[in-house]
Amino acid sequence: MQNTRLSTIVSGSVTRISQWSRNPWRRTSFILISLLFGFFLASVVSTASGAKSEQDIVSAAIVVLIVELTNRYVYSTKRVTSVDGSLAPRLLTTEILNSIKLGLVYGLFLEAFKLGS
């Protein structure tokens, strides 16, 4: 494959973003923002499906499917052990996906408690 300008720009930006996100504070902030985004997404899902009250079962099935697929992806990957025997951290994209899932589930639980069901 040729080194075009586009491939050079994409590979360079991916390298810079991966180096930028190795800082633990930036990693934690990404994870926290994705957790809050999942919480917001739960509010959107419950409001949108509750407005019409026609697609409640379909939206619940889609949410359960997304949560289960995320669980399967996150927890089926093997974690790398470092030389000293400790587990290496997961990939940032995996942690972000897991945080969105956690925020979504937590937000839906809180919406259910608010509704009293």
N, C-alpha and C. Protein backbone atom coordinates (compact mmCIF):
# COMPACT_ATOMS: atom_id res chain seq x y z
N MET A 1 0.84 -1.17 0.00
CA MET A 1 0.00 0.00 0.00
C MET A 1 0.89 1.24 0.00
N GLN A 2 0.47 2.24 -0.75
CA GLN A 2 1.26 3.45 -0.88
C GLN A 2 1.09 4.36 0.33
N ASN A 3 2.10 5.16 0.56
CA ASN A 3 2.01 6.19 1.58
C ASN A 3 1.45 7.45 0.94
N THR A 4 0.16 7.59 0.98
CA THR A 4 -0.47 8.79 0.45
C THR A 4 -0.53 9.84 1.55
N ARG A 5 -0.93 11.03 1.19
CA ARG A 5 -1.05 12.09 2.20
C ARG A 5 -2.11 11.73 3.23
N LEU A 6 -3.20 11.17 2.76
CA LEU A 6 -4.29 10.82 3.67
C LEU A 6 -3.85 9.74 4.65
N SER A 7 -3.19 8.70 4.17
CA SER A 7 -2.75 7.63 5.08
C SER A 7 -1.70 8.14 6.06
N THR A 8 -0.85 9.06 5.61
CA THR A 8 0.15 9.64 6.51
C THR A 8 -0.52 10.48 7.59
N ILE A 9 -1.51 11.27 7.22
CA ILE A 9 -2.23 12.11 8.19
C ILE A 9 -2.99 11.24 9.18
N VAL A 10 -3.67 10.20 8.70
CA VAL A 10 -4.44 9.34 9.59
C VAL A 10 -3.54 8.59 10.55
N SER A 11 -2.47 8.00 10.05
CA SER A 11 -1.57 7.24 10.93
C SER A 11 -0.87 8.16 11.93
N GLY A 12 -0.52 9.35 11.50
CA GLY A 12 0.11 10.31 12.41
C GLY A 12 -0.84 10.79 13.49
N SER A 13 -2.10 11.04 13.12
CA SER A 13 -3.07 11.50 14.12
C SER A 13 -3.44 10.39 15.10
N VAL A 14 -3.53 9.16 14.62
CA VAL A 14 -3.81 8.04 15.52
C VAL A 14 -2.66 7.86 16.51
N THR A 15 -1.45 8.00 16.04
CA THR A 15 -0.28 7.88 16.91
C THR A 15 -0.28 8.99 17.96
N ARG A 16 -0.58 10.22 17.54
CA ARG A 16 -0.60 11.33 18.49
C ARG A 16 -1.70 11.18 19.51
N ILE A 17 -2.88 10.72 19.09
CA ILE A 17 -3.99 10.54 20.03
C ILE A 17 -3.67 9.43 21.02
N SER A 18 -3.07 8.33 20.56
CA SER A 18 -2.73 7.25 21.49
C SER A 18 -1.66 7.68 22.48
N GLN A 19 -0.69 8.48 22.05
CA GLN A 19 0.32 8.99 22.97
C GLN A 19 -0.29 10.01 23.94
N TRP A 20 -1.22 10.82 23.45
CA TRP A 20 -1.86 11.82 24.28
C TRP A 20 -2.72 11.18 25.36
N SER A 21 -3.36 10.06 25.03
CA SER A 21 -4.28 9.44 25.99
C SER A 21 -3.59 8.49 26.96
N ARG A 22 -2.28 8.36 26.91
CA ARG A 22 -1.57 7.51 27.87
C ARG A 22 -1.44 8.15 29.24
N ASN A 23 -1.66 9.44 29.31
CA ASN A 23 -1.64 10.13 30.59
C ASN A 23 -2.80 9.61 31.45
N PRO A 24 -2.56 9.20 32.69
CA PRO A 24 -3.64 8.63 33.51
C PRO A 24 -4.78 9.60 33.78
N TRP A 25 -4.49 10.89 33.91
CA TRP A 25 -5.56 11.85 34.17
C TRP A 25 -6.44 12.02 32.94
N ARG A 26 -5.86 12.02 31.78
CA ARG A 26 -6.66 12.12 30.55
C ARG A 26 -7.48 10.87 30.35
N ARG A 27 -6.89 9.72 30.64
CA ARG A 27 -7.62 8.45 30.53
C ARG A 27 -8.82 8.44 31.47
N THR A 28 -8.62 8.89 32.70
CA THR A 28 -9.70 8.94 33.68
C THR A 28 -10.78 9.92 33.24
N SER A 29 -10.38 11.05 32.68
CA SER A 29 -11.38 12.02 32.23
C SER A 29 -12.18 11.48 31.05
N PHE A 30 -11.52 10.76 30.13
CA PHE A 30 -12.27 10.12 29.03
C PHE A 30 -13.29 9.13 29.57
N ILE A 31 -12.89 8.33 30.54
CA ILE A 31 -13.78 7.33 31.10
C ILE A 31 -14.94 7.99 31.84
N LEU A 32 -14.67 9.05 32.58
CA LEU A 32 -15.72 9.75 33.30
C LEU A 32 -16.70 10.42 32.34
N ILE A 33 -16.19 11.03 31.29
CA ILE A 33 -17.06 11.66 30.29
C ILE A 33 -17.93 10.62 29.61
N SER A 34 -17.38 9.45 29.31
CA SER A 34 -18.18 8.41 28.66
C SER A 34 -19.22 7.85 29.62
N LEU A 35 -18.92 7.79 30.92
CA LEU A 35 -19.91 7.36 31.91
C LEU A 35 -21.08 8.34 31.96
N LEU A 36 -20.77 9.63 31.95
CA LEU A 36 -21.82 10.64 31.95
C LEU A 36 -22.60 10.64 30.64
N PHE A 37 -21.92 10.35 29.53
CA PHE A 37 -22.62 10.24 28.25
C PHE A 37 -23.59 9.07 28.25
N GLY A 38 -23.20 7.95 28.85
CA GLY A 38 -24.10 6.81 28.98
C GLY A 38 -25.31 7.15 29.83
N PHE A 39 -25.10 7.92 30.90
CA PHE A 39 -26.20 8.36 31.75
C PHE A 39 -27.16 9.25 30.97
N PHE A 40 -26.60 10.15 30.17
CA PHE A 40 -27.43 11.01 29.31
C PHE A 40 -28.17 10.18 28.27
N LEU A 41 -27.50 9.18 27.72
CA LEU A 41 -28.13 8.32 26.73
C LEU A 41 -29.31 7.56 27.33
N ALA A 42 -29.20 7.16 28.59
CA ALA A 42 -30.31 6.48 29.26
C ALA A 42 -31.51 7.41 29.40
N SER A 43 -31.24 8.66 29.70
CA SER A 43 -32.33 9.63 29.79
C SER A 43 -33.01 9.84 28.44
N VAL A 44 -32.20 9.87 27.39
CA VAL A 44 -32.75 10.04 26.04
C VAL A 44 -33.58 8.83 25.64
N VAL A 45 -33.07 7.64 25.91
CA VAL A 45 -33.79 6.41 25.54
C VAL A 45 -35.11 6.32 26.27
N SER A 46 -35.10 6.58 27.58
CA SER A 46 -36.35 6.47 28.34
C SER A 46 -37.35 7.54 27.95
N THR A 47 -36.88 8.74 27.64
CA THR A 47 -37.79 9.81 27.23
C THR A 47 -38.37 9.54 25.84
N ALA A 48 -37.53 9.11 24.93
CA ALA A 48 -37.99 8.89 23.56
C ALA A 48 -38.93 7.69 23.48
N SER A 49 -38.64 6.63 24.21
CA SER A 49 -39.53 5.47 24.14
C SER A 49 -40.79 5.70 24.96
N GLY A 50 -40.72 6.52 26.00
CA GLY A 50 -41.90 6.78 26.82
C GLY A 50 -42.83 7.81 26.23
N ALA A 51 -42.37 8.59 25.27
CA ALA A 51 -43.22 9.64 24.69
C ALA A 51 -44.35 9.04 23.87
N LYS A 52 -44.05 8.04 23.09
CA LYS A 52 -45.07 7.42 22.25
C LYS A 52 -45.73 6.23 22.91
N SER A 53 -45.02 5.55 23.77
CA SER A 53 -45.48 4.32 24.44
C SER A 53 -45.90 3.24 23.46
N GLU A 54 -45.30 3.26 22.27
CA GLU A 54 -45.60 2.23 21.28
C GLU A 54 -44.43 1.27 21.10
N GLN A 55 -43.22 1.76 21.28
CA GLN A 55 -42.04 0.97 21.01
C GLN A 55 -41.26 0.63 22.29
N ASP A 56 -41.95 0.51 23.42
CA ASP A 56 -41.26 0.25 24.68
C ASP A 56 -40.54 -1.10 24.66
N ILE A 57 -41.19 -2.13 24.19
CA ILE A 57 -40.61 -3.47 24.21
C ILE A 57 -39.45 -3.55 23.23
N VAL A 58 -39.59 -2.93 22.09
CA VAL A 58 -38.52 -2.96 21.09
C VAL A 58 -37.29 -2.21 21.60
N SER A 59 -37.50 -1.04 22.20
CA SER A 59 -36.36 -0.28 22.71
C SER A 59 -35.70 -0.99 23.89
N ALA A 60 -36.47 -1.64 24.73
CA ALA A 60 -35.90 -2.41 25.84
C ALA A 60 -35.08 -3.59 25.30
N ALA A 61 -35.58 -4.25 24.27
CA ALA A 61 -34.84 -5.37 23.68
C ALA A 61 -33.54 -4.90 23.04
N ILE A 62 -33.57 -3.75 22.39
CA ILE A 62 -32.37 -3.20 21.77
C ILE A 62 -31.34 -2.83 22.84
N VAL A 63 -31.79 -2.22 23.93
CA VAL A 63 -30.88 -1.85 25.01
C VAL A 63 -30.25 -3.09 25.65
N VAL A 64 -31.05 -4.12 25.89
CA VAL A 64 -30.52 -5.36 26.48
C VAL A 64 -29.53 -6.01 25.51
N LEU A 65 -29.83 -6.01 24.23
CA LEU A 65 -28.92 -6.58 23.25
C LEU A 65 -27.59 -5.83 23.22
N ILE A 66 -27.64 -4.50 23.24
CA ILE A 66 -26.42 -3.69 23.24
C ILE A 66 -25.60 -3.94 24.50
N VAL A 67 -26.27 -4.01 25.65
CA VAL A 67 -25.55 -4.25 26.91
C VAL A 67 -24.90 -5.63 26.90
N GLU A 68 -25.61 -6.64 26.44
CA GLU A 68 -25.05 -7.99 26.43
C GLU A 68 -23.91 -8.14 25.42
N LEU A 69 -24.02 -7.50 24.27
CA LEU A 69 -22.93 -7.54 23.30
C LEU A 69 -21.69 -6.81 23.83
N THR A 70 -21.92 -5.71 24.52
CA THR A 70 -20.81 -4.99 25.13
C THR A 70 -20.14 -5.84 26.20
N ASN A 71 -20.94 -6.50 27.04
CA ASN A 71 -20.38 -7.39 28.05
C ASN A 71 -19.55 -8.50 27.43
N ARG A 72 -20.09 -9.07 26.37
CA ARG A 72 -19.37 -10.16 25.70
C ARG A 72 -18.04 -9.69 25.13
N TYR A 73 -18.04 -8.50 24.53
CA TYR A 73 -16.81 -7.96 23.95
C TYR A 73 -15.79 -7.61 25.03
N VAL A 74 -16.24 -6.92 26.07
CA VAL A 74 -15.31 -6.42 27.09
C VAL A 74 -14.72 -7.56 27.90
N TYR A 75 -15.54 -8.50 28.33
CA TYR A 75 -15.08 -9.51 29.27
C TYR A 75 -14.58 -10.79 28.60
N SER A 76 -14.69 -10.90 27.29
CA SER A 76 -14.15 -12.09 26.63
C SER A 76 -12.71 -11.91 26.16
N THR A 77 -12.26 -10.67 26.09
CA THR A 77 -10.87 -10.44 25.66
C THR A 77 -9.91 -10.80 26.77
N LYS A 78 -8.81 -11.40 26.39
CA LYS A 78 -7.78 -11.78 27.36
C LYS A 78 -7.00 -10.54 27.78
N ARG A 79 -6.76 -10.43 29.06
CA ARG A 79 -5.95 -9.32 29.56
C ARG A 79 -4.50 -9.72 29.58
N VAL A 80 -3.66 -8.81 29.19
CA VAL A 80 -2.23 -9.06 29.11
C VAL A 80 -1.62 -8.87 30.50
N THR A 81 -0.77 -9.80 30.88
CA THR A 81 -0.05 -9.64 32.14
C THR A 81 1.33 -9.07 31.85
N SER A 82 1.76 -8.18 32.71
CA SER A 82 3.08 -7.59 32.54
C SER A 82 4.14 -8.49 33.17
N VAL A 83 5.38 -8.06 33.11
CA VAL A 83 6.50 -8.87 33.57
C VAL A 83 6.41 -9.16 35.07
N ASP A 84 5.92 -8.18 35.85
CA ASP A 84 5.86 -8.37 37.29
C ASP A 84 4.64 -9.16 37.75
N GLY A 85 3.80 -9.59 36.83
CA GLY A 85 2.65 -10.42 37.15
C GLY A 85 1.34 -9.67 37.29
N SER A 86 1.37 -8.35 37.24
CA SER A 86 0.14 -7.59 37.35
C SER A 86 -0.54 -7.50 35.99
N LEU A 87 -1.85 -7.25 36.03
CA LEU A 87 -2.60 -7.14 34.79
C LEU A 87 -2.41 -5.76 34.17
N ALA A 88 -2.18 -5.74 32.88
CA ALA A 88 -2.05 -4.47 32.16
C ALA A 88 -3.44 -3.87 31.98
N PRO A 89 -3.54 -2.55 31.89
CA PRO A 89 -4.86 -1.95 31.70
C PRO A 89 -5.44 -2.30 30.33
N ARG A 90 -6.76 -2.30 30.28
CA ARG A 90 -7.44 -2.58 29.01
C ARG A 90 -7.23 -1.43 28.04
N LEU A 91 -7.59 -1.67 26.79
CA LEU A 91 -7.53 -0.61 25.79
C LEU A 91 -8.49 0.51 26.17
N LEU A 92 -8.15 1.73 25.78
CA LEU A 92 -8.98 2.88 26.13
C LEU A 92 -10.36 2.77 25.49
N THR A 93 -10.42 2.29 24.25
CA THR A 93 -11.72 2.17 23.60
C THR A 93 -12.61 1.15 24.31
N THR A 94 -12.02 0.09 24.82
CA THR A 94 -12.79 -0.91 25.57
C THR A 94 -13.29 -0.31 26.88
N GLU A 95 -12.46 0.46 27.56
CA GLU A 95 -12.88 1.10 28.81
C GLU A 95 -13.98 2.13 28.56
N ILE A 96 -13.87 2.87 27.47
CA ILE A 96 -14.90 3.86 27.15
C ILE A 96 -16.22 3.18 26.84
N LEU A 97 -16.18 2.11 26.06
CA LEU A 97 -17.40 1.37 25.75
C LEU A 97 -18.04 0.79 27.01
N ASN A 98 -17.22 0.26 27.89
CA ASN A 98 -17.74 -0.29 29.14
C ASN A 98 -18.33 0.81 30.02
N SER A 99 -17.73 1.98 30.04
CA SER A 99 -18.25 3.09 30.84
C SER A 99 -19.57 3.61 30.29
N ILE A 100 -19.71 3.65 28.98
CA ILE A 100 -20.99 4.06 28.39
C ILE A 100 -22.07 3.06 28.79
N LYS A 101 -21.73 1.78 28.76
CA LYS A 101 -22.69 0.75 29.16
C LYS A 101 -23.09 0.90 30.62
N LEU A 102 -22.12 1.13 31.48
CA LEU A 102 -22.43 1.30 32.91
C LEU A 102 -23.31 2.52 33.14
N GLY A 103 -23.01 3.63 32.48
CA GLY A 103 -23.84 4.82 32.61
C GLY A 103 -25.25 4.59 32.10
N LEU A 104 -25.38 3.85 31.02
CA LEU A 104 -26.70 3.55 30.45
C LEU A 104 -27.53 2.72 31.43
N VAL A 105 -26.93 1.67 31.97
CA VAL A 105 -27.67 0.81 32.90
C VAL A 105 -28.02 1.56 34.18
N TYR A 106 -27.09 2.32 34.72
CA TYR A 106 -27.34 3.09 35.93
C TYR A 106 -28.43 4.13 35.69
N GLY A 107 -28.39 4.81 34.56
CA GLY A 107 -29.41 5.80 34.25
C GLY A 107 -30.79 5.19 34.10
N LEU A 108 -30.86 4.00 33.49
CA LEU A 108 -32.17 3.35 33.35
C LEU A 108 -32.71 2.89 34.70
N PHE A 109 -31.83 2.44 35.59
CA PHE A 109 -32.28 2.10 36.94
C PHE A 109 -32.83 3.32 37.67
N LEU A 110 -32.14 4.46 37.55
CA LEU A 110 -32.63 5.66 38.20
C LEU A 110 -33.94 6.14 37.60
N GLU A 111 -34.11 6.02 36.30
CA GLU A 111 -35.38 6.38 35.68
C GLU A 111 -36.51 5.48 36.18
N ALA A 112 -36.21 4.20 36.37
CA ALA A 112 -37.23 3.28 36.90
C ALA A 112 -37.60 3.63 38.33
N PHE A 113 -36.62 4.04 39.14
CA PHE A 113 -36.93 4.44 40.51
C PHE A 113 -37.73 5.74 40.53
N LYS A 114 -37.45 6.64 39.60
CA LYS A 114 -38.21 7.90 39.55
C LYS A 114 -39.66 7.64 39.19
N LEU A 115 -39.88 6.67 38.31
CA LEU A 115 -41.23 6.36 37.90
C LEU A 115 -41.97 5.49 38.92
N GLY A 116 -41.22 4.90 39.83
CA GLY A 116 -41.84 4.09 40.86
C GLY A 116 -42.26 2.72 40.38
N SER A 117 -41.58 2.20 39.39
CA SER A 117 -41.95 0.88 38.89
C SER A 117 -40.91 -0.15 39.22
